[in-house]
Amino acid sequence: MSTLLEIQNLCKQFGGLKAVNDVSFTVAEGEIVALLGPNGSGKTTVINMISGALPPTSGSIRLGGVVLSGLPPHKIAHKGVARTFQLVRALPSLTVLENVITALAFRGKPLWGAQARSRAEELLQQVGLEGRGPEHAADLTYIDQKRMELARALAADPRLLLLDEWLSGLNPTELRVGIDLIMSLRERGMTILLVEHIMEAVRALCSRAVVMNAGTKIADGPTAQVLADPAVVAAYLGDEDA
């Protein structure tokens, strides 16, 4: 598999705090990689730098060899990066279908009119919301809001999908649905970088895991091997419990 995402010596400093300190890793085309670590380890800061929400202090981010670091979010999106957020960011006054059509209008190659409507309906079917387009976004259950947000991210036709704790807050039945949905994306060849705290999902979905602690990378390798690493166990549980 060829490398799609390449992160080299990435740093982010807020005043005297180094939130991300010299982090490097790659994600291959078609791979689902977990980005793990305890709260405050720098995971979401990395996601924010990849998507352009934050500029790196130093280091580089490349997608398919093209430099993303330093570009504004809309240009990074047009290069092929889409993301979800820890808290769903819907347009509550619009219908479910209109939420997805809006995303289609702002992608690199925008779709309009009947073509946009048809594509939006396809995406809703893909995420399990077939026939739900006329409903108001504000009336959806939490899992269905998550599905709609995923449809909006997929509307960008991304080369790389960033999922920031997309499975958080789901009950066990919804979690299984969510895992199956991400598996279906994997079967379509989607490349995903997934920030997640639910280890059941990480084990089911991710062939590889990168682990951060206090802003630095402490492990990178096959998921089962990484989760058994004493340094990773200590980062999550504390040295006394490891």
C-alpha atoms as a PDB file:
ATOM      1  CA  MET A   1       0.000   0.000   0.000  1.00  0.00           C
ATOM      2  CA  SER A   2       1.271   3.465  -0.854  1.00  0.00           C
ATOM      3  CA  THR A   3       1.531   6.158   1.802  1.00  0.00           C
ATOM      4  CA  LEU A   4      -1.342   8.668   1.716  1.00  0.00           C
ATOM      5  CA  LEU A   5      -0.812  10.748   4.883  1.00  0.00           C
ATOM      6  CA  GLU A   6       2.704  11.621   6.021  1.00  0.00           C
ATOM      7  CA  ILE A   7       3.303  13.565   9.231  1.00  0.00           C
ATOM      8  CA  GLN A   8       6.882  14.559  10.002  1.00  0.00           C
ATOM      9  CA  ASN A   9       8.241  16.163  13.187  1.00  0.00           C
ATOM     10  CA  LEU A  10       4.918  17.861  13.915  1.00  0.00           C
ATOM     11  CA  CYS A  11       4.873  20.354  16.794  1.00  0.00           C
ATOM     12  CA  LYS A  12       2.221  22.648  18.246  1.00  0.00           C
ATOM     13  CA  GLN A  13       3.053  25.113  20.978  1.00  0.00           C
ATOM     14  CA  PHE A  14       0.588  27.247  22.949  1.00  0.00           C
ATOM     15  CA  GLY A  15       2.729  29.761  24.816  1.00  0.00           C
ATOM     16  CA  GLY A  16       5.026  27.669  27.002  1.00  0.00           C
ATOM     17  CA  LEU A  17       2.989  24.454  26.504  1.00  0.00           C
ATOM     18  CA  LYS A  18       4.031  21.968  23.826  1.00  0.00           C
ATOM     19  CA  ALA A  19       0.732  20.229  23.101  1.00  0.00           C
ATOM     20  CA  VAL A  20       2.310  18.182  20.286  1.00  0.00           C
ATOM     21  CA  ASN A  21       6.046  17.535  20.383  1.00  0.00           C
ATOM     22  CA  ASP A  22       7.938  16.128  17.370  1.00  0.00           C
ATOM     23  CA  VAL A  23       5.280  13.609  16.271  1.00  0.00           C
ATOM     24  CA  SER A  24       5.808  11.588  13.075  1.00  0.00           C
ATOM     25  CA  PHE A  25       3.709   8.796  11.542  1.00  0.00           C
ATOM     26  CA  THR A  26       2.150   7.705   8.250  1.00  0.00           C
ATOM     27  CA  VAL A  27      -1.186   6.297   7.100  1.00  0.00           C
ATOM     28  CA  ALA A  28      -1.287   4.108   3.998  1.00  0.00           C
ATOM     29  CA  GLU A  29      -3.964   4.249   1.318  1.00  0.00           C
ATOM     30  CA  GLY A  30      -6.978   2.168   2.427  1.00  0.00           C
ATOM     31  CA  GLU A  31      -5.745   1.803   6.026  1.00  0.00           C
ATOM     32  CA  ILE A  32      -7.706   2.545   9.215  1.00  0.00           C
ATOM     33  CA  VAL A  33      -5.308   3.759  11.894  1.00  0.00           C
ATOM     34  CA  ALA A  34      -6.255   4.564  15.491  1.00  0.00           C
ATOM     35  CA  LEU A  35      -4.746   7.644  17.121  1.00  0.00           C
ATOM     36  CA  LEU A  36      -4.904   6.865  20.838  1.00  0.00           C
ATOM     37  CA  GLY A  37      -3.884   8.357  24.145  1.00  0.00           C
ATOM     38  CA  PRO A  38      -5.296   9.576  27.458  1.00  0.00           C
ATOM     39  CA  ASN A  39      -7.136  12.896  27.684  1.00  0.00           C
ATOM     40  CA  GLY A  40      -4.800  15.824  27.052  1.00  0.00           C
ATOM     41  CA  SER A  41      -2.271  13.748  25.119  1.00  0.00           C
ATOM     42  CA  GLY A  42      -2.524  15.898  21.964  1.00  0.00           C
ATOM     43  CA  LYS A  43      -4.657  13.665  19.699  1.00  0.00           C
ATOM     44  CA  THR A  44      -7.318  16.213  18.787  1.00  0.00           C
ATOM     45  CA  THR A  45      -4.626  18.878  18.342  1.00  0.00           C
ATOM     46  CA  VAL A  46      -3.050  16.622  15.695  1.00  0.00           C
ATOM     47  CA  ILE A  47      -6.454  16.178  14.006  1.00  0.00           C
ATOM     48  CA  ASN A  48      -6.966  19.951  14.123  1.00  0.00           C
ATOM     49  CA  MET A  49      -3.619  20.524  12.434  1.00  0.00           C
ATOM     50  CA  ILE A  50      -4.300  17.953   9.706  1.00  0.00           C
ATOM     51  CA  SER A  51      -7.688  19.560   8.952  1.00  0.00           C
ATOM     52  CA  GLY A  52      -6.321  23.109   9.130  1.00  0.00           C
ATOM     53  CA  ALA A  53      -8.245  24.241  12.215  1.00  0.00           C
ATOM     54  CA  LEU A  54      -4.846  24.929  13.821  1.00  0.00           C
ATOM     55  CA  PRO A  55      -1.559  25.789  12.042  1.00  0.00           C
ATOM     56  CA  PRO A  56       1.469  23.717  13.095  1.00  0.00           C
ATOM     57  CA  THR A  57       4.240  25.503  14.976  1.00  0.00           C
ATOM     58  CA  SER A  58       6.697  23.380  12.998  1.00  0.00           C
ATOM     59  CA  GLY A  59       6.863  20.133  11.058  1.00  0.00           C
ATOM     60  CA  SER A  60       5.023  19.051   7.922  1.00  0.00           C
ATOM     61  CA  ILE A  61       1.785  17.330   6.893  1.00  0.00           C
ATOM     62  CA  ARG A  62       1.481  15.827   3.399  1.00  0.00           C
ATOM     63  CA  LEU A  63      -1.426  14.118   1.668  1.00  0.00           C
ATOM     64  CA  GLY A  64      -0.376  12.115  -1.360  1.00  0.00           C
ATOM     65  CA  GLY A  65       2.862  14.086  -1.407  1.00  0.00           C
ATOM     66  CA  VAL A  66       1.078  17.472  -1.391  1.00  0.00           C
ATOM     67  CA  VAL A  67       1.950  19.773   1.531  1.00  0.00           C
ATOM     68  CA  LEU A  68      -1.126  20.618   3.643  1.00  0.00           C
ATOM     69  CA  SER A  69       0.548  22.300   6.613  1.00  0.00           C
ATOM     70  CA  GLY A  70      -0.134  26.023   6.589  1.00  0.00           C
ATOM     71  CA  LEU A  71      -3.147  25.868   4.257  1.00  0.00           C
ATOM     72  CA  PRO A  72      -6.551  27.152   5.473  1.00  0.00           C
ATOM     73  CA  PRO A  73      -9.255  24.550   6.275  1.00  0.00           C
ATOM     74  CA  HIS A  74     -11.284  25.018   3.059  1.00  0.00           C
ATOM     75  CA  LYS A  75      -8.210  24.450   0.883  1.00  0.00           C
ATOM     76  CA  ILE A  76      -7.257  21.340   2.882  1.00  0.00           C
ATOM     77  CA  ALA A  77     -10.828  20.077   2.460  1.00  0.00           C
ATOM     78  CA  HIS A  78     -10.539  20.623  -1.300  1.00  0.00           C
ATOM     79  CA  LYS A  79      -7.285  18.609  -1.291  1.00  0.00           C
ATOM     80  CA  GLY A  80      -9.259  15.616   0.043  1.00  0.00           C
ATOM     81  CA  VAL A  81      -9.513  15.765   3.863  1.00  0.00           C
ATOM     82  CA  ALA A  82     -12.887  15.529   5.653  1.00  0.00           C
ATOM     83  CA  ARG A  83     -13.589  15.251   9.368  1.00  0.00           C
ATOM     84  CA  THR A  84     -16.202  14.768  12.038  1.00  0.00           C
ATOM     85  CA  PHE A  85     -16.172  16.469  15.449  1.00  0.00           C
ATOM     86  CA  GLN A  86     -16.505  15.246  19.047  1.00  0.00           C
ATOM     87  CA  LEU A  87     -19.786  17.186  19.222  1.00  0.00           C
ATOM     88  CA  VAL A  88     -22.024  16.902  16.163  1.00  0.00           C
ATOM     89  CA  ARG A  89     -22.140  20.170  14.207  1.00  0.00           C
ATOM     90  CA  ALA A  90     -25.448  19.969  12.357  1.00  0.00           C
ATOM     91  CA  LEU A  91     -27.506  22.737  10.783  1.00  0.00           C
ATOM     92  CA  PRO A  92     -30.566  22.145  12.989  1.00  0.00           C
ATOM     93  CA  SER A  93     -33.021  24.390  11.108  1.00  0.00           C
ATOM     94  CA  LEU A  94     -32.471  22.432   7.874  1.00  0.00           C
ATOM     95  CA  THR A  95     -33.715  18.984   6.923  1.00  0.00           C
ATOM     96  CA  VAL A  96     -31.413  15.969   6.938  1.00  0.00           C
ATOM     97  CA  LEU A  97     -31.228  16.052   3.130  1.00  0.00           C
ATOM     98  CA  GLU A  98     -30.483  19.790   3.094  1.00  0.00           C
ATOM     99  CA  ASN A  99     -27.616  19.277   5.559  1.00  0.00           C
ATOM    100  CA  VAL A 100     -25.957  16.873   3.123  1.00  0.00           C
ATOM    101  CA  ILE A 101     -26.757  18.993   0.043  1.00  0.00           C
ATOM    102  CA  THR A 102     -25.065  21.952   1.761  1.00  0.00           C
ATOM    103  CA  ALA A 103     -21.891  19.883   2.166  1.00  0.00           C
ATOM    104  CA  LEU A 104     -22.024  18.920  -1.525  1.00  0.00           C
ATOM    105  CA  ALA A 105     -22.257  22.601  -2.508  1.00  0.00           C
ATOM    106  CA  PHE A 106     -19.038  23.527  -0.694  1.00  0.00           C
ATOM    107  CA  ARG A 107     -16.742  20.680  -1.738  1.00  0.00           C
ATOM    108  CA  GLY A 108     -13.901  21.026  -4.250  1.00  0.00           C
ATOM    109  CA  LYS A 109     -16.128  19.959  -7.164  1.00  0.00           C
ATOM    110  CA  PRO A 110     -19.548  21.255  -6.074  1.00  0.00           C
ATOM    111  CA  LEU A 111     -22.821  19.599  -6.982  1.00  0.00           C
ATOM    112  CA  TRP A 112     -26.085  21.512  -7.474  1.00  0.00           C
ATOM    113  CA  GLY A 113     -29.754  20.893  -8.169  1.00  0.00           C
ATOM    114  CA  ALA A 114     -31.018  17.434  -9.073  1.00  0.00           C
ATOM    115  CA  GLN A 115     -27.501  16.009  -9.178  1.00  0.00           C
ATOM    116  CA  ALA A 116     -26.840  17.158  -5.607  1.00  0.00           C
ATOM    117  CA  ARG A 117     -30.172  15.822  -4.387  1.00  0.00           C
ATOM    118  CA  SER A 118     -29.540  12.416  -5.969  1.00  0.00           C
ATOM    119  CA  ARG A 119     -26.029  12.182  -4.492  1.00  0.00           C
ATOM    120  CA  ALA A 120     -27.282  13.288  -1.055  1.00  0.00           C
ATOM    121  CA  GLU A 121     -29.917  10.539  -1.097  1.00  0.00           C
ATOM    122  CA  GLU A 122     -27.218   7.991  -2.023  1.00  0.00           C
ATOM    123  CA  LEU A 123     -25.077   9.120   0.903  1.00  0.00           C
ATOM    124  CA  LEU A 124     -28.001   8.932   3.342  1.00  0.00           C
ATOM    125  CA  GLN A 125     -28.681   5.382   2.172  1.00  0.00           C
ATOM    126  CA  GLN A 126     -24.989   4.548   2.641  1.00  0.00           C
ATOM    127  CA  VAL A 127     -25.065   5.617   6.312  1.00  0.00           C
ATOM    128  CA  GLY A 128     -28.416   3.993   7.120  1.00  0.00           C
ATOM    129  CA  LEU A 129     -30.699   7.035   6.790  1.00  0.00           C
ATOM    130  CA  GLU A 130     -32.514   6.031   3.616  1.00  0.00           C
ATOM    131  CA  GLY A 131     -35.866   7.826   3.332  1.00  0.00           C
ATOM    132  CA  ARG A 132     -35.097  10.124   6.300  1.00  0.00           C
ATOM    133  CA  GLY A 133     -34.131  13.166   4.194  1.00  0.00           C
ATOM    134  CA  PRO A 134     -37.305  15.228   4.824  1.00  0.00           C
ATOM    135  CA  GLU A 135     -36.915  15.047   8.632  1.00  0.00           C
ATOM    136  CA  HIS A 136     -35.485  18.028  10.485  1.00  0.00           C
ATOM    137  CA  ALA A 137     -31.922  17.504  11.682  1.00  0.00           C
ATOM    138  CA  ALA A 138     -32.859  18.750  15.166  1.00  0.00           C
ATOM    139  CA  ASP A 139     -35.360  15.878  15.555  1.00  0.00           C
ATOM    140  CA  LEU A 140     -32.846  13.067  14.991  1.00  0.00           C
ATOM    141  CA  THR A 141     -31.656  10.731  17.741  1.00  0.00           C
ATOM    142  CA  TYR A 142     -27.987  10.979  18.716  1.00  0.00           C
ATOM    143  CA  ILE A 143     -26.874   7.986  16.606  1.00  0.00           C
ATOM    144  CA  ASP A 144     -28.802   9.347  13.618  1.00  0.00           C
ATOM    145  CA  GLN A 145     -27.189  12.779  14.059  1.00  0.00           C
ATOM    146  CA  LYS A 146     -23.846  10.964  13.949  1.00  0.00           C
ATOM    147  CA  ARG A 147     -24.917   9.173  10.762  1.00  0.00           C
ATOM    148  CA  MET A 148     -25.933  12.463   9.165  1.00  0.00           C
ATOM    149  CA  GLU A 149     -22.620  14.058  10.147  1.00  0.00           C
ATOM    150  CA  LEU A 150     -20.798  11.122   8.546  1.00  0.00           C
ATOM    151  CA  ALA A 151     -22.859  11.541   5.351  1.00  0.00           C
ATOM    152  CA  ARG A 152     -21.838  15.212   5.284  1.00  0.00           C
ATOM    153  CA  ALA A 153     -18.160  14.283   5.660  1.00  0.00           C
ATOM    154  CA  LEU A 154     -18.463  11.676   2.890  1.00  0.00           C
ATOM    155  CA  ALA A 155     -20.138  14.296   0.674  1.00  0.00           C
ATOM    156  CA  ALA A 156     -16.700  15.882   0.305  1.00  0.00           C
ATOM    157  CA  ASP A 157     -15.558  12.688  -1.473  1.00  0.00           C
ATOM    158  CA  PRO A 158     -12.475  12.615   0.773  1.00  0.00           C
ATOM    159  CA  ARG A 159      -9.238  10.752   0.246  1.00  0.00           C
ATOM    160  CA  LEU A 160      -8.720  10.872   4.044  1.00  0.00           C
ATOM    161  CA  LEU A 161     -11.505  10.789   6.653  1.00  0.00           C
ATOM    162  CA  LEU A 162     -10.731  12.012  10.186  1.00  0.00           C
ATOM    163  CA  LEU A 163     -13.113  10.610  12.822  1.00  0.00           C
ATOM    164  CA  ASP A 164     -12.697  12.409  16.157  1.00  0.00           C
ATOM    165  CA  GLU A 165     -14.424  10.234  18.807  1.00  0.00           C
ATOM    166  CA  TRP A 166     -17.280   9.606  16.374  1.00  0.00           C
ATOM    167  CA  LEU A 167     -18.409   6.574  18.420  1.00  0.00           C
ATOM    168  CA  SER A 168     -18.471   8.327  21.800  1.00  0.00           C
ATOM    169  CA  GLY A 169     -21.783   8.627  23.651  1.00  0.00           C
ATOM    170  CA  LEU A 170     -23.409   5.643  21.926  1.00  0.00           C
ATOM    171  CA  ASN A 171     -25.165   2.860  23.832  1.00  0.00           C
ATOM    172  CA  PRO A 172     -23.972  -0.749  23.195  1.00  0.00           C
ATOM    173  CA  THR A 173     -26.504  -1.382  20.393  1.00  0.00           C
ATOM    174  CA  GLU A 174     -25.697   1.930  18.688  1.00  0.00           C
ATOM    175  CA  LEU A 175     -21.977   1.240  19.101  1.00  0.00           C
ATOM    176  CA  ARG A 176     -22.321  -2.015  17.169  1.00  0.00           C
ATOM    177  CA  VAL A 177     -24.185  -0.152  14.415  1.00  0.00           C
ATOM    178  CA  GLY A 178     -21.455   2.496  14.345  1.00  0.00           C
ATOM    179  CA  ILE A 179     -18.649  -0.075  14.137  1.00  0.00           C
ATOM    180  CA  ASP A 180     -20.442  -1.874  11.283  1.00  0.00           C
ATOM    181  CA  LEU A 181     -20.858   1.422   9.451  1.00  0.00           C
ATOM    182  CA  ILE A 182     -17.135   2.226   9.671  1.00  0.00           C
ATOM    183  CA  MET A 183     -16.362  -1.345   8.592  1.00  0.00           C
ATOM    184  CA  SER A 184     -18.474  -0.745   5.479  1.00  0.00           C
ATOM    185  CA  LEU A 185     -16.321   2.293   4.693  1.00  0.00           C
ATOM    186  CA  ARG A 186     -13.194   0.174   5.105  1.00  0.00           C
ATOM    187  CA  GLU A 187     -14.602  -2.354   2.627  1.00  0.00           C
ATOM    188  CA  ARG A 188     -15.009   0.499   0.120  1.00  0.00           C
ATOM    189  CA  GLY A 189     -11.297   1.316   0.506  1.00  0.00           C
ATOM    190  CA  MET A 190     -11.716   4.497   2.579  1.00  0.00           C
ATOM    191  CA  THR A 191      -8.587   5.731   4.404  1.00  0.00           C
ATOM    192  CA  ILE A 192      -9.429   6.697   7.991  1.00  0.00           C
ATOM    193  CA  LEU A 193      -7.546   8.176  10.950  1.00  0.00           C
ATOM    194  CA  LEU A 194      -9.676   7.471  13.998  1.00  0.00           C
ATOM    195  CA  VAL A 195      -9.362   9.107  17.429  1.00  0.00           C
ATOM    196  CA  GLU A 196     -11.192   6.853  19.863  1.00  0.00           C
ATOM    197  CA  HIS A 197     -11.342   5.808  23.528  1.00  0.00           C
ATOM    198  CA  ILE A 198     -13.534   2.722  22.990  1.00  0.00           C
ATOM    199  CA  MET A 199     -11.064  -0.152  22.749  1.00  0.00           C
ATOM    200  CA  GLU A 200     -13.689  -2.605  21.473  1.00  0.00           C
ATOM    201  CA  ALA A 201     -14.042  -0.404  18.395  1.00  0.00           C
ATOM    202  CA  VAL A 202     -10.295   0.106  18.014  1.00  0.00           C
ATOM    203  CA  ARG A 203      -9.658  -3.649  18.080  1.00  0.00           C
ATOM    204  CA  ALA A 204     -12.472  -4.332  15.616  1.00  0.00           C
ATOM    205  CA  LEU A 205     -11.600  -1.610  13.114  1.00  0.00           C
ATOM    206  CA  CYS A 206      -7.918  -0.711  13.236  1.00  0.00           C
ATOM    207  CA  SER A 207      -5.039  -2.812  11.974  1.00  0.00           C
ATOM    208  CA  ARG A 208      -2.595  -0.293  13.406  1.00  0.00           C
ATOM    209  CA  ALA A 209      -2.485   2.140  16.310  1.00  0.00           C
ATOM    210  CA  VAL A 210      -0.413   5.227  17.093  1.00  0.00           C
ATOM    211  CA  VAL A 211      -0.370   6.202  20.780  1.00  0.00           C
ATOM    212  CA  MET A 212       0.430   9.639  22.216  1.00  0.00           C
ATOM    213  CA  ASN A 213       1.057  10.724  25.779  1.00  0.00           C
ATOM    214  CA  ALA A 214       1.782  14.283  26.966  1.00  0.00           C
ATOM    215  CA  GLY A 215       2.225  15.454  23.379  1.00  0.00           C
ATOM    216  CA  THR A 216       4.720  12.806  22.242  1.00  0.00           C
ATOM    217  CA  LYS A 217       4.341   9.552  20.321  1.00  0.00           C
ATOM    218  CA  ILE A 218       5.052   6.575  22.571  1.00  0.00           C
ATOM    219  CA  ALA A 219       3.998   3.651  20.338  1.00  0.00           C
ATOM    220  CA  ASP A 220       3.204   2.826  16.702  1.00  0.00           C
ATOM    221  CA  GLY A 221       2.471  -0.663  15.380  1.00  0.00           C
ATOM    222  CA  PRO A 222      -0.100  -3.480  15.046  1.00  0.00           C
ATOM    223  CA  THR A 223      -3.058  -2.720  17.330  1.00  0.00           C
ATOM    224  CA  ALA A 224      -2.909  -5.824  19.550  1.00  0.00           C
ATOM    225  CA  GLN A 225       0.837  -5.394  20.050  1.00  0.00           C
ATOM    226  CA  VAL A 226       0.533  -1.671  20.843  1.00  0.00           C
ATOM    227  CA  LEU A 227      -2.311  -2.145  23.344  1.00  0.00           C
ATOM    228  CA  ALA A 228      -0.192  -4.710  25.221  1.00  0.00           C
ATOM    229  CA  ASP A 229       2.856  -2.400  25.344  1.00  0.00           C
ATOM    230  CA  PRO A 230       3.724  -1.654  29.015  1.00  0.00           C
ATOM    231  CA  ALA A 231       4.345   2.027  28.188  1.00  0.00           C
ATOM    232  CA  VAL A 232       0.846   2.289  26.675  1.00  0.00           C
ATOM    233  CA  VAL A 233      -0.767   0.503  29.623  1.00  0.00           C
ATOM    234  CA  ALA A 234       1.072   2.824  32.024  1.00  0.00           C
ATOM    235  CA  ALA A 235      -0.062   5.914  30.056  1.00  0.00           C
ATOM    236  CA  TYR A 236      -3.700   4.884  30.321  1.00  0.00           C
ATOM    237  CA  LEU A 237      -3.738   3.415  33.830  1.00  0.00           C
ATOM    238  CA  GLY A 238      -0.884   5.182  35.616  1.00  0.00           C
ATOM    239  CA  ASP A 239       2.334   3.501  36.658  1.00  0.00           C
ATOM    240  CA  GLU A 240       0.940   2.053  39.877  1.00  0.00           C
ATOM    241  CA  ASP A 241      -1.800   0.147  38.080  1.00  0.00           C
ATOM    242  CA  ALA A 242       0.150  -0.890  35.010  1.00  0.00           C
END
